[in-house]
Amino acid sequence: MENVLLITSALEFIENNLTEDIKTEDIARELYCSKSSVEKLFRIVTNMSIRDYYIRRRMSKAARDMVNCSDVSLLDLAIKYGYGSNEAFTRAFKSVWKVSPSEYKKNPVRFELFPALKLEPELMEDKNMDDRRKVDISELYDYIEARKECYLVGVDIKSLIPINQISREAGDLAIITALTRLEQATREDDIVFRVGGDEFVALTSSKDKAYADKIVTEVLSHNGECIKYGEMEIPLNLYATSYRFVGEHIRYSELFAQIQGNIQMSKI
């Protein structure tokens, strides 16, 4: 439990300092532990280094700034997120989104690629912590409360592990492509979220099941299409399902389990 609380504090510190140039030493000092301890524990829980997570969160927030403030300059974004030049910011942005900021601006997406991780200490008392990690879906909960009778579409990547085994960058590209397929199948007023490592949900603004099923059909129609990583062409296939929550109120503690449960049902 002490280790879980340590990582929870590290995640919170990172989230509160995304526009600052923090290093692992700063996090260790804040948590009163050694650099090696926090690095090792962070990788066990999140399956990535502190630096990788930090950059992904920074560039996810930067991309959201581009969507919310279309007239913001690249230099302003670079300065806001602690980069000394457009070139340094562009390299970091492209390492995450696989396109340059200027290319992204031409075809922006509405989702946040790497939402903030949220660890639930009461659910993580066993040793298999990685299986218990999840992202913060509190924002999704608020939207679902406002759209109680609307349909959702759940999407999951088939066999992401072999793609990640090729390289982490190939896995990131698969995630971006999966989210883009879902994004492009939805309307402007639908809301797309990433709710797990390779699990996504579109909260529609429609009470019509036929509309949600149309999104599912569109997403599945791209199965077998390849993503290009270097000289490799990797087929990308997705699961997809439409559903609606049942009941007058949805408890936040049950939300993630219900989303995952519906996505798992699509695999049967």
C-alpha atoms as a PDB file:
ATOM      1  CA  MET A   1       0.000   0.000   0.000  1.00  0.00           C
ATOM      2  CA  GLU A   2       2.871   2.379   0.775  1.00  0.00           C
ATOM      3  CA  ASN A   3       4.250   1.885  -2.733  1.00  0.00           C
ATOM      4  CA  VAL A   4       0.855   2.608  -4.306  1.00  0.00           C
ATOM      5  CA  LEU A   5       0.545   5.834  -2.351  1.00  0.00           C
ATOM      6  CA  LEU A   6       4.077   6.762  -3.437  1.00  0.00           C
ATOM      7  CA  ILE A   7       3.232   6.361  -7.129  1.00  0.00           C
ATOM      8  CA  THR A   8      -0.083   8.148  -6.668  1.00  0.00           C
ATOM      9  CA  SER A   9       1.846  11.088  -5.222  1.00  0.00           C
ATOM     10  CA  ALA A  10       4.330  10.945  -8.112  1.00  0.00           C
ATOM     11  CA  LEU A  11       1.501  11.032 -10.675  1.00  0.00           C
ATOM     12  CA  GLU A  12      -0.093  13.975  -8.902  1.00  0.00           C
ATOM     13  CA  PHE A  13       3.208  15.858  -8.765  1.00  0.00           C
ATOM     14  CA  ILE A  14       3.770  15.291 -12.487  1.00  0.00           C
ATOM     15  CA  GLU A  15       0.246  16.425 -13.336  1.00  0.00           C
ATOM     16  CA  ASN A  16       0.674  19.620 -11.323  1.00  0.00           C
ATOM     17  CA  ASN A  17       3.966  20.446 -13.056  1.00  0.00           C
ATOM     18  CA  LEU A  18       3.418  19.673 -16.734  1.00  0.00           C
ATOM     19  CA  THR A  19       4.481  23.179 -17.703  1.00  0.00           C
ATOM     20  CA  GLU A  20       7.612  23.015 -15.560  1.00  0.00           C
ATOM     21  CA  ASP A  21      10.953  21.455 -16.471  1.00  0.00           C
ATOM     22  CA  ILE A  22      10.943  18.780 -13.763  1.00  0.00           C
ATOM     23  CA  LYS A  23      13.300  15.833 -13.531  1.00  0.00           C
ATOM     24  CA  THR A  24      13.129  12.500 -11.755  1.00  0.00           C
ATOM     25  CA  GLU A  25      15.348  13.952  -9.031  1.00  0.00           C
ATOM     26  CA  ASP A  26      12.680  16.596  -8.340  1.00  0.00           C
ATOM     27  CA  ILE A  27      10.009  13.926  -7.941  1.00  0.00           C
ATOM     28  CA  ALA A  28      12.212  11.830  -5.654  1.00  0.00           C
ATOM     29  CA  ARG A  29      12.979  14.895  -3.529  1.00  0.00           C
ATOM     30  CA  GLU A  30       9.276  15.744  -3.290  1.00  0.00           C
ATOM     31  CA  LEU A  31       8.446  12.174  -2.198  1.00  0.00           C
ATOM     32  CA  TYR A  32      11.442  11.828   0.162  1.00  0.00           C
ATOM     33  CA  CYS A  33      12.732   8.690  -1.555  1.00  0.00           C
ATOM     34  CA  SER A  34      15.640   7.718  -3.786  1.00  0.00           C
ATOM     35  CA  LYS A  35      15.643   8.353  -7.516  1.00  0.00           C
ATOM     36  CA  SER A  36      16.263   4.668  -8.284  1.00  0.00           C
ATOM     37  CA  SER A  37      13.347   3.572  -6.081  1.00  0.00           C
ATOM     38  CA  VAL A  38      10.777   5.838  -7.684  1.00  0.00           C
ATOM     39  CA  GLU A  39      12.041   5.042 -11.200  1.00  0.00           C
ATOM     40  CA  LYS A  40      11.833   1.290 -10.639  1.00  0.00           C
ATOM     41  CA  LEU A  41       8.413   1.411  -8.989  1.00  0.00           C
ATOM     42  CA  PHE A  42       7.013   3.770 -11.622  1.00  0.00           C
ATOM     43  CA  ARG A  43       8.033   1.434 -14.433  1.00  0.00           C
ATOM     44  CA  ILE A  44       6.519  -1.591 -12.656  1.00  0.00           C
ATOM     45  CA  VAL A  45       3.162   0.149 -12.211  1.00  0.00           C
ATOM     46  CA  THR A  46       2.867   2.076 -15.506  1.00  0.00           C
ATOM     47  CA  ASN A  47       5.042  -0.041 -17.818  1.00  0.00           C
ATOM     48  CA  MET A  48       6.918   3.079 -18.914  1.00  0.00           C
ATOM     49  CA  SER A  49       9.611   5.381 -17.597  1.00  0.00           C
ATOM     50  CA  ILE A  50       8.835   8.597 -15.758  1.00  0.00           C
ATOM     51  CA  ARG A  51      10.286  10.591 -18.644  1.00  0.00           C
ATOM     52  CA  ASP A  52       8.134   8.783 -21.240  1.00  0.00           C
ATOM     53  CA  TYR A  53       4.974   9.326 -19.193  1.00  0.00           C
ATOM     54  CA  TYR A  54       5.866  12.970 -18.544  1.00  0.00           C
ATOM     55  CA  ILE A  55       6.440  13.713 -22.237  1.00  0.00           C
ATOM     56  CA  ARG A  56       3.233  11.912 -23.260  1.00  0.00           C
ATOM     57  CA  ARG A  57       1.171  13.882 -20.764  1.00  0.00           C
ATOM     58  CA  ARG A  58       2.813  17.150 -21.816  1.00  0.00           C
ATOM     59  CA  MET A  59       2.152  16.582 -25.501  1.00  0.00           C
ATOM     60  CA  SER A  60      -1.410  15.397 -24.866  1.00  0.00           C
ATOM     61  CA  LYS A  61      -2.096  18.664 -23.037  1.00  0.00           C
ATOM     62  CA  ALA A  62      -0.331  20.656 -25.739  1.00  0.00           C
ATOM     63  CA  ALA A  63      -2.494  19.022 -28.402  1.00  0.00           C
ATOM     64  CA  ARG A  64      -5.626  19.848 -26.413  1.00  0.00           C
ATOM     65  CA  ASP A  65      -4.443  23.474 -26.224  1.00  0.00           C
ATOM     66  CA  MET A  66      -4.205  23.490 -30.020  1.00  0.00           C
ATOM     67  CA  VAL A  67      -7.799  22.266 -30.324  1.00  0.00           C
ATOM     68  CA  ASN A  68      -9.177  24.670 -27.708  1.00  0.00           C
ATOM     69  CA  CYS A  69      -7.154  27.688 -28.888  1.00  0.00           C
ATOM     70  CA  SER A  70      -6.664  27.356 -32.631  1.00  0.00           C
ATOM     71  CA  ASP A  71      -4.814  30.682 -32.885  1.00  0.00           C
ATOM     72  CA  VAL A  72      -2.125  29.761 -30.340  1.00  0.00           C
ATOM     73  CA  SER A  73       1.370  29.907 -31.844  1.00  0.00           C
ATOM     74  CA  LEU A  74       3.865  27.061 -31.713  1.00  0.00           C
ATOM     75  CA  LEU A  75       6.344  29.347 -29.956  1.00  0.00           C
ATOM     76  CA  ASP A  76       3.791  30.118 -27.235  1.00  0.00           C
ATOM     77  CA  LEU A  77       3.160  26.398 -26.744  1.00  0.00           C
ATOM     78  CA  ALA A  78       6.869  25.646 -26.721  1.00  0.00           C
ATOM     79  CA  ILE A  79       7.469  28.250 -24.016  1.00  0.00           C
ATOM     80  CA  LYS A  80       4.425  27.163 -21.988  1.00  0.00           C
ATOM     81  CA  TYR A  81       5.628  23.550 -21.878  1.00  0.00           C
ATOM     82  CA  GLY A  82       9.227  24.364 -21.090  1.00  0.00           C
ATOM     83  CA  TYR A  83      10.937  24.101 -24.477  1.00  0.00           C
ATOM     84  CA  GLY A  84      13.480  26.663 -25.587  1.00  0.00           C
ATOM     85  CA  SER A  85      12.658  26.528 -29.287  1.00  0.00           C
ATOM     86  CA  ASN A  86      10.042  25.472 -31.830  1.00  0.00           C
ATOM     87  CA  GLU A  87      12.395  22.742 -32.985  1.00  0.00           C
ATOM     88  CA  ALA A  88      12.706  21.113 -29.557  1.00  0.00           C
ATOM     89  CA  PHE A  89       8.936  21.287 -29.013  1.00  0.00           C
ATOM     90  CA  THR A  90       8.263  19.848 -32.482  1.00  0.00           C
ATOM     91  CA  ARG A  91      10.570  16.885 -31.821  1.00  0.00           C
ATOM     92  CA  ALA A  92       8.781  16.081 -28.562  1.00  0.00           C
ATOM     93  CA  PHE A  93       5.338  16.509 -30.141  1.00  0.00           C
ATOM     94  CA  LYS A  94       6.182  14.304 -33.097  1.00  0.00           C
ATOM     95  CA  SER A  95       7.629  11.588 -30.837  1.00  0.00           C
ATOM     96  CA  VAL A  96       4.160  11.213 -29.296  1.00  0.00           C
ATOM     97  CA  TRP A  97       1.684  12.070 -32.058  1.00  0.00           C
ATOM     98  CA  LYS A  98       3.816  10.864 -35.007  1.00  0.00           C
ATOM     99  CA  VAL A  99       3.064  14.093 -36.888  1.00  0.00           C
ATOM    100  CA  SER A 100       4.418  17.614 -36.514  1.00  0.00           C
ATOM    101  CA  PRO A 101       2.375  20.303 -34.713  1.00  0.00           C
ATOM    102  CA  SER A 102       1.654  22.042 -38.025  1.00  0.00           C
ATOM    103  CA  GLU A 103       0.395  18.772 -39.544  1.00  0.00           C
ATOM    104  CA  TYR A 104      -1.698  18.128 -36.456  1.00  0.00           C
ATOM    105  CA  LYS A 105      -3.284  21.577 -36.704  1.00  0.00           C
ATOM    106  CA  LYS A 106      -4.531  20.745 -40.197  1.00  0.00           C
ATOM    107  CA  ASN A 107      -6.366  17.681 -38.905  1.00  0.00           C
ATOM    108  CA  PRO A 108      -6.749  17.935 -35.114  1.00  0.00           C
ATOM    109  CA  VAL A 109      -8.479  15.293 -33.016  1.00  0.00           C
ATOM    110  CA  ARG A 110     -10.672  15.905 -29.979  1.00  0.00           C
ATOM    111  CA  PHE A 111      -9.473  13.138 -27.675  1.00  0.00           C
ATOM    112  CA  GLU A 112      -6.593  13.201 -25.233  1.00  0.00           C
ATOM    113  CA  LEU A 113      -4.134  10.530 -26.317  1.00  0.00           C
ATOM    114  CA  PHE A 114      -2.568   9.913 -22.910  1.00  0.00           C
ATOM    115  CA  PRO A 115      -5.032  10.815 -20.135  1.00  0.00           C
ATOM    116  CA  ALA A 116      -3.684  11.118 -16.625  1.00  0.00           C
ATOM    117  CA  LEU A 117      -3.284   7.789 -14.882  1.00  0.00           C
ATOM    118  CA  LYS A 118      -5.268   7.368 -11.703  1.00  0.00           C
ATOM    119  CA  LEU A 119      -4.491   4.607  -9.221  1.00  0.00           C
ATOM    120  CA  GLU A 120      -7.126   3.388  -6.787  1.00  0.00           C
ATOM    121  CA  PRO A 121      -5.257   2.317  -3.602  1.00  0.00           C
ATOM    122  CA  GLU A 122      -8.198   0.281  -2.276  1.00  0.00           C
ATOM    123  CA  LEU A 123      -8.148  -1.834  -5.457  1.00  0.00           C
ATOM    124  CA  MET A 124      -4.409  -2.390  -5.507  1.00  0.00           C
ATOM    125  CA  GLU A 125      -3.613  -4.256  -2.330  1.00  0.00           C
ATOM    126  CA  ASP A 126      -2.443  -7.345  -4.203  1.00  0.00           C
ATOM    127  CA  LYS A 127       0.972  -7.612  -5.830  1.00  0.00           C
ATOM    128  CA  ASN A 128      -0.221  -7.586  -9.437  1.00  0.00           C
ATOM    129  CA  MET A 129      -0.435  -3.811  -9.589  1.00  0.00           C
ATOM    130  CA  ASP A 130      -0.096  -3.430 -13.343  1.00  0.00           C
ATOM    131  CA  ASP A 131      -3.376  -5.271 -13.939  1.00  0.00           C
ATOM    132  CA  ARG A 132      -5.139  -2.791 -11.662  1.00  0.00           C
ATOM    133  CA  ARG A 133      -3.993   0.483 -13.155  1.00  0.00           C
ATOM    134  CA  LYS A 134      -6.452   2.664 -15.010  1.00  0.00           C
ATOM    135  CA  VAL A 135      -6.801   6.157 -16.346  1.00  0.00           C
ATOM    136  CA  ASP A 136      -8.731   8.983 -14.790  1.00  0.00           C
ATOM    137  CA  ILE A 137     -12.238   8.796 -16.267  1.00  0.00           C
ATOM    138  CA  SER A 138     -13.860  11.271 -13.903  1.00  0.00           C
ATOM    139  CA  GLU A 139     -14.472  13.637 -16.824  1.00  0.00           C
ATOM    140  CA  LEU A 140     -16.185  10.832 -18.725  1.00  0.00           C
ATOM    141  CA  TYR A 141     -18.398  10.171 -15.709  1.00  0.00           C
ATOM    142  CA  ASP A 142     -19.602  13.782 -15.725  1.00  0.00           C
ATOM    143  CA  TYR A 143     -20.521  13.582 -19.393  1.00  0.00           C
ATOM    144  CA  ILE A 144     -22.301  10.234 -18.984  1.00  0.00           C
ATOM    145  CA  GLU A 145     -24.361  11.688 -16.151  1.00  0.00           C
ATOM    146  CA  ALA A 146     -25.441  14.430 -18.547  1.00  0.00           C
ATOM    147  CA  ARG A 147     -26.218  11.899 -21.317  1.00  0.00           C
ATOM    148  CA  LYS A 148     -27.710   9.050 -19.301  1.00  0.00           C
ATOM    149  CA  GLU A 149     -29.888   7.720 -22.110  1.00  0.00           C
ATOM    150  CA  CYS A 150     -27.378   8.085 -24.923  1.00  0.00           C
ATOM    151  CA  TYR A 151     -25.461   5.202 -26.481  1.00  0.00           C
ATOM    152  CA  LEU A 152     -21.759   4.522 -26.142  1.00  0.00           C
ATOM    153  CA  VAL A 153     -19.407   2.713 -28.493  1.00  0.00           C
ATOM    154  CA  GLY A 154     -16.556   0.715 -26.961  1.00  0.00           C
ATOM    155  CA  VAL A 155     -13.435  -0.152 -28.950  1.00  0.00           C
ATOM    156  CA  ASP A 156     -10.408  -2.311 -28.170  1.00  0.00           C
ATOM    157  CA  ILE A 157      -7.324  -3.240 -30.187  1.00  0.00           C
ATOM    158  CA  LYS A 158      -6.922  -6.887 -31.119  1.00  0.00           C
ATOM    159  CA  SER A 159      -3.469  -8.183 -30.147  1.00  0.00           C
ATOM    160  CA  LEU A 160      -1.678  -4.979 -29.165  1.00  0.00           C
ATOM    161  CA  ILE A 161       1.038  -6.904 -27.281  1.00  0.00           C
ATOM    162  CA  PRO A 162       2.699  -8.312 -30.453  1.00  0.00           C
ATOM    163  CA  ILE A 163       2.728  -4.805 -31.918  1.00  0.00           C
ATOM    164  CA  ASN A 164       4.329  -3.417 -28.743  1.00  0.00           C
ATOM    165  CA  GLN A 165       6.904  -6.204 -29.002  1.00  0.00           C
ATOM    166  CA  ILE A 166       7.963  -4.801 -32.367  1.00  0.00           C
ATOM    167  CA  SER A 167       8.577  -1.480 -30.615  1.00  0.00           C
ATOM    168  CA  ARG A 168       6.876   0.910 -28.231  1.00  0.00           C
ATOM    169  CA  GLU A 169       6.613   3.436 -31.072  1.00  0.00           C
ATOM    170  CA  ALA A 170       4.715   0.903 -33.203  1.00  0.00           C
ATOM    171  CA  GLY A 171       2.328   0.361 -30.293  1.00  0.00           C
ATOM    172  CA  ASP A 172       1.800   4.106 -29.896  1.00  0.00           C
ATOM    173  CA  LEU A 173       1.068   4.373 -33.617  1.00  0.00           C
ATOM    174  CA  ALA A 174      -1.506   1.578 -33.306  1.00  0.00           C
ATOM    175  CA  ILE A 175      -3.193   3.430 -30.433  1.00  0.00           C
ATOM    176  CA  ILE A 176      -3.292   6.709 -32.383  1.00  0.00           C
ATOM    177  CA  THR A 177      -4.733   4.932 -35.422  1.00  0.00           C
ATOM    178  CA  ALA A 178      -7.392   3.121 -33.383  1.00  0.00           C
ATOM    179  CA  LEU A 179      -8.488   6.346 -31.741  1.00  0.00           C
ATOM    180  CA  THR A 180      -8.502   8.131 -35.089  1.00  0.00           C
ATOM    181  CA  ARG A 181     -10.734   5.452 -36.613  1.00  0.00           C
ATOM    182  CA  LEU A 182     -13.213   5.901 -33.792  1.00  0.00           C
ATOM    183  CA  GLU A 183     -12.933   9.688 -33.946  1.00  0.00           C
ATOM    184  CA  GLN A 184     -13.578   9.779 -37.693  1.00  0.00           C
ATOM    185  CA  ALA A 185     -16.657   7.553 -37.368  1.00  0.00           C
ATOM    186  CA  THR A 186     -18.328   9.904 -34.880  1.00  0.00           C
ATOM    187  CA  ARG A 187     -20.001  13.294 -35.106  1.00  0.00           C
ATOM    188  CA  GLU A 188     -18.655  16.600 -33.812  1.00  0.00           C
ATOM    189  CA  ASP A 189     -20.819  16.475 -30.695  1.00  0.00           C
ATOM    190  CA  ASP A 190     -19.795  12.919 -29.748  1.00  0.00           C
ATOM    191  CA  ILE A 191     -17.040  12.620 -27.132  1.00  0.00           C
ATOM    192  CA  VAL A 192     -14.134  10.206 -27.553  1.00  0.00           C
ATOM    193  CA  PHE A 193     -12.105   9.004 -24.554  1.00  0.00           C
ATOM    194  CA  ARG A 194      -9.242   6.640 -23.992  1.00  0.00           C
ATOM    195  CA  VAL A 195     -10.118   4.624 -20.884  1.00  0.00           C
ATOM    196  CA  GLY A 196      -7.316   2.061 -20.737  1.00  0.00           C
ATOM    197  CA  GLY A 197      -4.127   0.888 -22.389  1.00  0.00           C
ATOM    198  CA  ASP A 198      -5.897   0.005 -25.639  1.00  0.00           C
ATOM    199  CA  GLU A 199      -9.552   0.533 -24.720  1.00  0.00           C
ATOM    200  CA  PHE A 200     -11.561   3.503 -25.944  1.00  0.00           C
ATOM    201  CA  VAL A 201     -15.118   4.776 -25.749  1.00  0.00           C
ATOM    202  CA  ALA A 202     -17.213   7.193 -27.772  1.00  0.00           C
ATOM    203  CA  LEU A 203     -20.033   8.760 -25.802  1.00  0.00           C
ATOM    204  CA  THR A 204     -22.583   9.726 -28.422  1.00  0.00           C
ATOM    205  CA  SER A 205     -25.242  12.403 -28.149  1.00  0.00           C
ATOM    206  CA  SER A 206     -27.827  10.013 -29.599  1.00  0.00           C
ATOM    207  CA  LYS A 207     -30.470   7.767 -28.023  1.00  0.00           C
ATOM    208  CA  ASP A 208     -30.773   5.913 -31.341  1.00  0.00           C
ATOM    209  CA  LYS A 209     -29.122   2.482 -31.301  1.00  0.00           C
ATOM    210  CA  ALA A 210     -28.986   2.482 -35.098  1.00  0.00           C
ATOM    211  CA  TYR A 211     -26.651   5.464 -34.993  1.00  0.00           C
ATOM    212  CA  ALA A 212     -24.315   3.758 -32.497  1.00  0.00           C
ATOM    213  CA  ASP A 213     -24.364   0.566 -34.561  1.00  0.00           C
ATOM    214  CA  LYS A 214     -23.433   2.622 -37.621  1.00  0.00           C
ATOM    215  CA  ILE A 215     -20.311   3.811 -35.800  1.00  0.00           C
ATOM    216  CA  VAL A 216     -19.451   0.191 -34.930  1.00  0.00           C
ATOM    217  CA  THR A 217     -19.868  -0.851 -38.568  1.00  0.00           C
ATOM    218  CA  GLU A 218     -17.667   2.007 -39.768  1.00  0.00           C
ATOM    219  CA  VAL A 219     -14.912   1.209 -37.252  1.00  0.00           C
ATOM    220  CA  LEU A 220     -14.933  -2.503 -38.103  1.00  0.00           C
ATOM    221  CA  SER A 221     -14.881  -1.773 -41.835  1.00  0.00           C
ATOM    222  CA  HIS A 222     -11.239  -0.695 -41.475  1.00  0.00           C
ATOM    223  CA  ASN A 223     -10.106  -3.991 -39.920  1.00  0.00           C
ATOM    224  CA  GLY A 224      -7.203  -5.432 -41.847  1.00  0.00           C
ATOM    225  CA  GLU A 225      -5.907  -2.043 -42.957  1.00  0.00           C
ATOM    226  CA  CYS A 226      -2.245  -1.603 -42.082  1.00  0.00           C
ATOM    227  CA  ILE A 227      -0.287   0.944 -40.147  1.00  0.00           C
ATOM    228  CA  LYS A 228       3.117   1.746 -41.592  1.00  0.00           C
ATOM    229  CA  TYR A 229       6.049   1.576 -39.189  1.00  0.00           C
ATOM    230  CA  GLY A 230       9.358   2.087 -40.950  1.00  0.00           C
ATOM    231  CA  GLU A 231       9.428  -0.491 -43.724  1.00  0.00           C
ATOM    232  CA  MET A 232       6.834  -2.669 -42.002  1.00  0.00           C
ATOM    233  CA  GLU A 233       3.112  -2.768 -42.704  1.00  0.00           C
ATOM    234  CA  ILE A 234       1.250  -4.017 -39.630  1.00  0.00           C
ATOM    235  CA  PRO A 235      -2.435  -5.028 -39.913  1.00  0.00           C
ATOM    236  CA  LEU A 236      -4.570  -3.326 -37.265  1.00  0.00           C
ATOM    237  CA  ASN A 237      -7.848  -4.912 -36.180  1.00  0.00           C
ATOM    238  CA  LEU A 238     -10.308  -3.660 -33.575  1.00  0.00           C
ATOM    239  CA  TYR A 239     -13.183  -4.971 -31.516  1.00  0.00           C
ATOM    240  CA  ALA A 240     -16.184  -2.648 -31.327  1.00  0.00           C
ATOM    241  CA  THR A 241     -19.581  -2.722 -29.638  1.00  0.00           C
ATOM    242  CA  SER A 242     -22.468  -0.366 -28.884  1.00  0.00           C
ATOM    243  CA  TYR A 243     -24.268  -0.295 -25.551  1.00  0.00           C
ATOM    244  CA  ARG A 244     -26.084   1.901 -23.078  1.00  0.00           C
ATOM    245  CA  PHE A 245     -25.841   1.978 -19.299  1.00  0.00           C
ATOM    246  CA  VAL A 246     -28.886   0.703 -17.472  1.00  0.00           C
ATOM    247  CA  GLY A 247     -30.238   2.379 -14.349  1.00  0.00           C
ATOM    248  CA  GLU A 248     -31.164   5.803 -13.056  1.00  0.00           C
ATOM    249  CA  HIS A 249     -27.702   6.582 -11.684  1.00  0.00           C
ATOM    250  CA  ILE A 250     -24.226   5.288 -12.495  1.00  0.00           C
ATOM    251  CA  ARG A 251     -21.846   5.014  -9.586  1.00  0.00           C
ATOM    252  CA  TYR A 252     -18.386   6.327 -10.372  1.00  0.00           C
ATOM    253  CA  SER A 253     -16.815   3.277  -8.724  1.00  0.00           C
ATOM    254  CA  GLU A 254     -18.656   1.022 -11.204  1.00  0.00           C
ATOM    255  CA  LEU A 255     -18.113   3.066 -14.350  1.00  0.00           C
ATOM    256  CA  PHE A 256     -14.757   1.659 -15.412  1.00  0.00           C
ATOM    257  CA  ALA A 257     -15.837  -1.939 -14.745  1.00  0.00           C
ATOM    258  CA  GLN A 258     -19.006  -1.479 -16.810  1.00  0.00           C
ATOM    259  CA  ILE A 259     -17.100   0.000 -19.727  1.00  0.00           C
ATOM    260  CA  GLN A 260     -14.539  -2.811 -19.687  1.00  0.00           C
ATOM    261  CA  GLY A 261     -17.268  -5.430 -19.288  1.00  0.00           C
ATOM    262  CA  ASN A 262     -19.117  -4.268 -22.382  1.00  0.00           C
ATOM    263  CA  ILE A 263     -15.913  -4.156 -24.420  1.00  0.00           C
ATOM    264  CA  GLN A 264     -15.000  -7.681 -23.259  1.00  0.00           C
ATOM    265  CA  MET A 265     -18.427  -8.938 -24.333  1.00  0.00           C
ATOM    266  CA  SER A 266     -17.661  -7.802 -27.902  1.00  0.00           C
ATOM    267  CA  LYS A 267     -14.783 -10.312 -28.007  1.00  0.00           C
ATOM    268  CA  ILE A 268     -16.992 -13.347 -27.387  1.00  0.00           C
END
